[in-house]
Amino acid sequence: MADTVLIIDADVNSRTVLARSLRSAAIQAETASSGEEALERLWRVKYDLVVLEIDLPGIDGYHVLQDLRRRGVKTPVVICSAHGEDYEQLYCLDLGADDYVTKPFNPVVFAAKARALIRRSRGLPMEDLVTAGPFTYNTSTLRFYKNGEEIVLSGKENAMMKLFMDNPDRIFSRSRLYDLVWGGSLVDENTVMVYISRLRAKIEDKPAQPRYIQTVRGLGYRFVAK
């Protein structure tokens, strides 16, 4: 049975990006737009993770978190907020949050963090290795290897490679890649092309004749690691 996450955020765009990032990692996502709606859902349904924004109409995120912990609910909670001040993060952690992510965030890395929190809450080993062909991706350390040797990736390269590793043989259009890795609508197709080229230069034996990150004419890109 798939893990299920409740996303609590008043902003529809934030809810959409968060839900897409989680679903790309095979995690089911439900949403609530207010503290009242969230608490009503949390009374009825047991979730594997709660993603919580502080700024909510009516009951704010602080009180949602306080209410959960007061009732003894041990479900992991990650705060996903535009507030980046240290005191804000410390206050939320003191109230019982398990992690704090500042917007804007990398959707793929966020999904990996969410999965790690769920695993930790169940007492499972934090190290989770994804393998495909000669490649290995450690989702707890966010490190990537080819034939056992680490390949150092930038943040966006890392996120794109994780997405490919989770979805071998799936075709991603440029706009879909931009949506999942950058968390927004495609503005410049060249951005995706540049990062595809950088990845190929790092992982391909012959970047000019890519074997692993293939171009599917008219459709986008596909990761093949057979």
Protein backbone atom coordinates (compact mmCIF):
# COMPACT_ATOMS: atom_id res chain seq x y z
CA MET A 1 0.00 0.00 0.00
CA ALA A 2 1.39 3.39 -1.01
CA ASP A 3 2.39 5.96 1.60
CA THR A 4 -0.08 8.84 1.93
CA VAL A 5 0.82 12.42 2.78
CA LEU A 6 -1.45 15.30 3.75
CA ILE A 7 -0.36 18.66 2.34
CA ILE A 8 -1.72 21.65 4.24
CA ASP A 9 -1.19 24.92 2.39
CA ALA A 10 -3.44 27.86 1.52
CA ASP A 11 -1.67 28.48 -1.80
CA VAL A 12 -3.00 26.33 -4.64
CA ASN A 13 0.27 26.53 -6.59
CA SER A 14 2.28 25.29 -3.61
CA ARG A 15 -0.17 22.43 -3.08
CA THR A 16 0.11 21.47 -6.74
CA VAL A 17 3.93 21.49 -6.81
CA LEU A 18 4.17 19.54 -3.55
CA ALA A 19 1.61 16.96 -4.67
CA ARG A 20 3.35 16.46 -8.02
CA SER A 21 6.76 16.04 -6.41
CA LEU A 22 5.42 13.41 -4.02
CA ARG A 23 3.44 11.55 -6.67
CA SER A 24 6.54 11.38 -8.86
CA ALA A 25 8.09 9.37 -6.01
CA ALA A 26 5.06 7.04 -5.83
CA ILE A 27 3.71 8.73 -2.69
CA GLN A 28 -0.03 9.48 -2.59
CA ALA A 29 -0.89 13.07 -1.74
CA GLU A 30 -4.06 14.62 -0.35
CA THR A 31 -4.47 18.35 0.28
CA ALA A 32 -6.13 20.77 2.67
CA SER A 33 -6.25 24.56 2.31
CA SER A 34 -6.94 25.60 5.91
CA GLY A 35 -6.12 24.59 9.45
CA GLU A 36 -9.74 23.68 10.18
CA GLU A 37 -9.97 21.38 7.15
CA ALA A 38 -6.61 19.83 8.03
CA LEU A 39 -7.58 19.02 11.62
CA GLU A 40 -10.90 17.55 10.48
CA ARG A 41 -9.04 15.25 8.06
CA LEU A 42 -6.43 14.34 10.66
CA TRP A 43 -9.17 13.30 13.08
CA ARG A 44 -10.53 10.83 10.51
CA VAL A 45 -7.48 9.58 8.59
CA LYS A 46 -4.08 8.28 9.63
CA TYR A 47 -1.39 9.71 7.32
CA ASP A 48 2.23 8.67 6.94
CA LEU A 49 3.46 12.28 6.82
CA VAL A 50 2.06 15.80 7.17
CA VAL A 51 3.46 18.70 5.12
CA LEU A 52 2.45 21.93 6.84
CA GLU A 53 2.58 25.63 5.92
CA ILE A 54 2.55 28.13 8.79
CA ASP A 55 0.47 30.84 7.11
CA LEU A 56 -3.06 29.41 6.98
CA PRO A 57 -6.46 31.11 7.17
CA GLY A 58 -8.21 30.64 10.51
CA ILE A 59 -6.19 28.16 12.56
CA ASP A 60 -2.54 28.68 11.63
CA GLY A 61 0.16 26.05 11.21
CA TYR A 62 1.54 26.55 14.72
CA HIS A 63 -1.79 25.60 16.28
CA VAL A 64 -2.29 22.66 13.91
CA LEU A 65 1.10 21.30 14.96
CA GLN A 66 0.42 21.99 18.67
CA ASP A 67 -2.95 20.25 18.44
CA LEU A 68 -1.44 17.16 16.82
CA ARG A 69 1.29 16.78 19.42
CA ARG A 70 -1.09 17.57 22.30
CA ARG A 71 -3.29 14.67 21.15
CA GLY A 72 -0.28 12.38 21.05
CA VAL A 73 -0.22 12.05 17.24
CA LYS A 74 3.31 10.94 16.34
CA THR A 75 2.96 11.30 12.55
CA PRO A 76 6.08 13.05 11.22
CA VAL A 77 5.49 16.69 10.28
CA VAL A 78 7.65 18.70 7.90
CA ILE A 79 7.11 22.46 7.81
CA CYS A 80 7.25 23.85 4.28
CA SER A 81 7.18 27.62 4.60
CA ALA A 82 8.33 30.85 2.98
CA HIS A 83 9.67 31.99 6.36
CA GLY A 84 13.40 31.30 6.50
CA GLU A 85 14.31 32.92 9.80
CA ASP A 86 16.28 30.76 12.22
CA TYR A 87 14.01 31.55 15.17
CA GLU A 88 10.97 30.45 13.14
CA GLN A 89 12.58 27.12 12.32
CA LEU A 90 13.70 26.58 15.91
CA TYR A 91 10.24 27.41 17.22
CA CYS A 92 8.58 24.89 14.88
CA LEU A 93 11.08 22.18 15.81
CA ASP A 94 10.47 22.93 19.48
CA LEU A 95 6.72 22.50 18.93
CA GLY A 96 7.36 19.03 17.55
CA ALA A 97 8.07 19.40 13.82
CA ASP A 98 10.47 16.81 12.41
CA ASP A 99 11.97 18.99 9.69
CA TYR A 100 11.73 22.46 8.15
CA VAL A 101 11.97 23.23 4.42
CA THR A 102 12.09 26.78 3.09
CA LYS A 103 10.32 27.78 -0.11
CA PRO A 104 11.28 27.74 -2.91
CA PHE A 105 12.48 24.15 -2.73
CA ASN A 106 13.70 21.49 -5.13
CA PRO A 107 10.69 19.19 -5.70
CA VAL A 108 12.68 16.00 -6.28
CA VAL A 109 14.92 16.53 -3.26
CA PHE A 110 11.82 17.36 -1.21
CA ALA A 111 10.23 14.03 -2.21
CA ALA A 112 13.40 12.17 -1.17
CA LYS A 113 13.37 13.99 2.18
CA ALA A 114 9.70 13.07 2.68
CA ARG A 115 10.38 9.40 1.99
CA ALA A 116 13.32 9.44 4.42
CA LEU A 117 11.12 10.93 7.18
CA ILE A 118 8.51 8.22 6.63
CA ARG A 119 11.16 5.51 6.78
CA ARG A 120 12.65 6.97 9.97
CA SER A 121 9.23 7.14 11.64
CA ARG A 122 8.82 3.40 11.02
CA GLY A 123 12.23 2.55 12.41
CA LEU A 124 13.51 1.46 9.01
CA PRO A 125 17.14 1.98 7.92
CA MET A 126 17.65 5.50 6.64
CA GLU A 127 19.96 4.43 3.86
CA ASP A 128 17.94 3.64 0.76
CA LEU A 129 19.80 2.72 -2.41
CA VAL A 130 18.25 3.00 -5.85
CA THR A 131 20.13 1.05 -8.52
CA ALA A 132 19.81 1.00 -12.29
CA GLY A 133 22.45 -0.57 -14.50
CA PRO A 134 25.88 0.70 -13.40
CA PHE A 135 24.34 3.53 -11.37
CA THR A 136 23.50 3.79 -7.68
CA TYR A 137 21.74 6.64 -5.90
CA ASN A 138 21.75 6.92 -2.11
CA THR A 139 18.52 8.70 -1.15
CA SER A 140 19.64 9.42 2.41
CA THR A 141 22.92 11.11 1.47
CA LEU A 142 21.79 12.28 -2.01
CA ARG A 143 25.02 10.91 -3.50
CA PHE A 144 25.30 9.33 -6.93
CA TYR A 145 27.68 6.61 -8.14
CA LYS A 146 28.62 4.90 -11.39
CA ASN A 147 30.32 1.51 -11.08
CA GLY A 148 30.95 2.30 -7.40
CA GLU A 149 32.69 5.62 -8.07
CA GLU A 150 30.99 8.80 -6.93
CA ILE A 151 30.02 11.38 -9.53
CA VAL A 152 29.57 14.82 -8.00
CA LEU A 153 26.40 16.51 -9.20
CA SER A 154 25.03 20.02 -8.74
CA GLY A 155 21.68 20.47 -7.02
CA LYS A 156 19.59 20.48 -10.20
CA GLU A 157 21.66 17.69 -11.78
CA ASN A 158 21.16 15.67 -8.61
CA ALA A 159 17.40 16.18 -8.70
CA MET A 160 17.13 15.31 -12.38
CA MET A 161 19.24 12.16 -11.95
CA LYS A 162 17.12 11.05 -8.99
CA LEU A 163 13.99 11.54 -11.10
CA PHE A 164 15.47 9.46 -13.93
CA MET A 165 16.62 6.74 -11.53
CA ASP A 166 13.12 6.47 -10.06
CA ASN A 167 11.55 6.28 -13.52
CA PRO A 168 13.71 4.22 -15.90
CA ASP A 169 12.43 4.03 -19.50
CA ARG A 170 9.81 6.71 -18.87
CA ILE A 171 9.75 9.57 -21.37
CA PHE A 172 9.79 13.08 -19.89
CA SER A 173 9.04 16.12 -22.01
CA ARG A 174 11.14 19.22 -21.42
CA SER A 175 8.20 21.01 -19.82
CA ARG A 176 7.55 18.06 -17.50
CA LEU A 177 11.20 17.93 -16.44
CA TYR A 178 11.16 21.65 -15.73
CA ASP A 179 7.96 21.30 -13.74
CA LEU A 180 9.31 18.47 -11.57
CA VAL A 181 12.90 19.65 -11.11
CA TRP A 182 12.45 23.42 -11.01
CA GLY A 183 8.92 23.43 -9.64
CA GLY A 184 7.30 25.71 -12.19
CA SER A 185 6.06 26.18 -15.72
CA LEU A 186 8.66 26.00 -18.48
CA VAL A 187 10.07 29.41 -19.30
CA ASP A 188 13.10 28.52 -21.39
CA GLU A 189 13.54 25.11 -23.02
CA ASN A 190 17.27 25.74 -23.24
CA THR A 191 17.52 25.42 -19.44
CA VAL A 192 16.56 21.75 -19.59
CA MET A 193 18.80 21.13 -22.60
CA VAL A 194 21.78 22.64 -20.80
CA TYR A 195 21.34 20.38 -17.77
CA ILE A 196 20.80 17.31 -19.93
CA SER A 197 24.11 18.10 -21.66
CA ARG A 198 25.87 18.54 -18.31
CA LEU A 199 24.55 15.23 -17.03
CA ARG A 200 25.58 13.43 -20.20
CA ALA A 201 29.08 14.86 -19.90
CA LYS A 202 29.33 13.36 -16.41
CA ILE A 203 27.69 9.95 -16.80
CA GLU A 204 28.05 8.92 -20.44
CA ASP A 205 31.06 7.07 -21.81
CA LYS A 206 30.53 8.98 -25.07
CA PRO A 207 28.47 12.12 -24.39
CA ALA A 208 28.07 12.79 -28.12
CA GLN A 209 26.50 9.33 -28.47
CA PRO A 210 24.45 9.04 -25.28
CA ARG A 211 23.56 5.55 -24.15
CA TYR A 212 21.83 6.28 -20.87
CA ILE A 213 20.02 9.60 -21.33
CA GLN A 214 18.41 9.23 -24.72
CA THR A 215 16.59 11.83 -26.78
CA VAL A 216 13.19 10.68 -27.99
CA ARG A 217 12.53 12.81 -31.04
CA GLY A 218 9.52 15.07 -30.65
CA LEU A 219 8.76 13.82 -27.14
CA GLY A 220 11.64 14.51 -24.75
CA TYR A 221 14.17 12.36 -22.87
CA ARG A 222 14.31 8.83 -21.51
CA PHE A 223 16.74 7.25 -19.05
CA VAL A 224 17.81 3.74 -20.08
CA ALA A 225 20.24 1.79 -17.89
CA LYS A 226 20.01 -1.79 -19.18
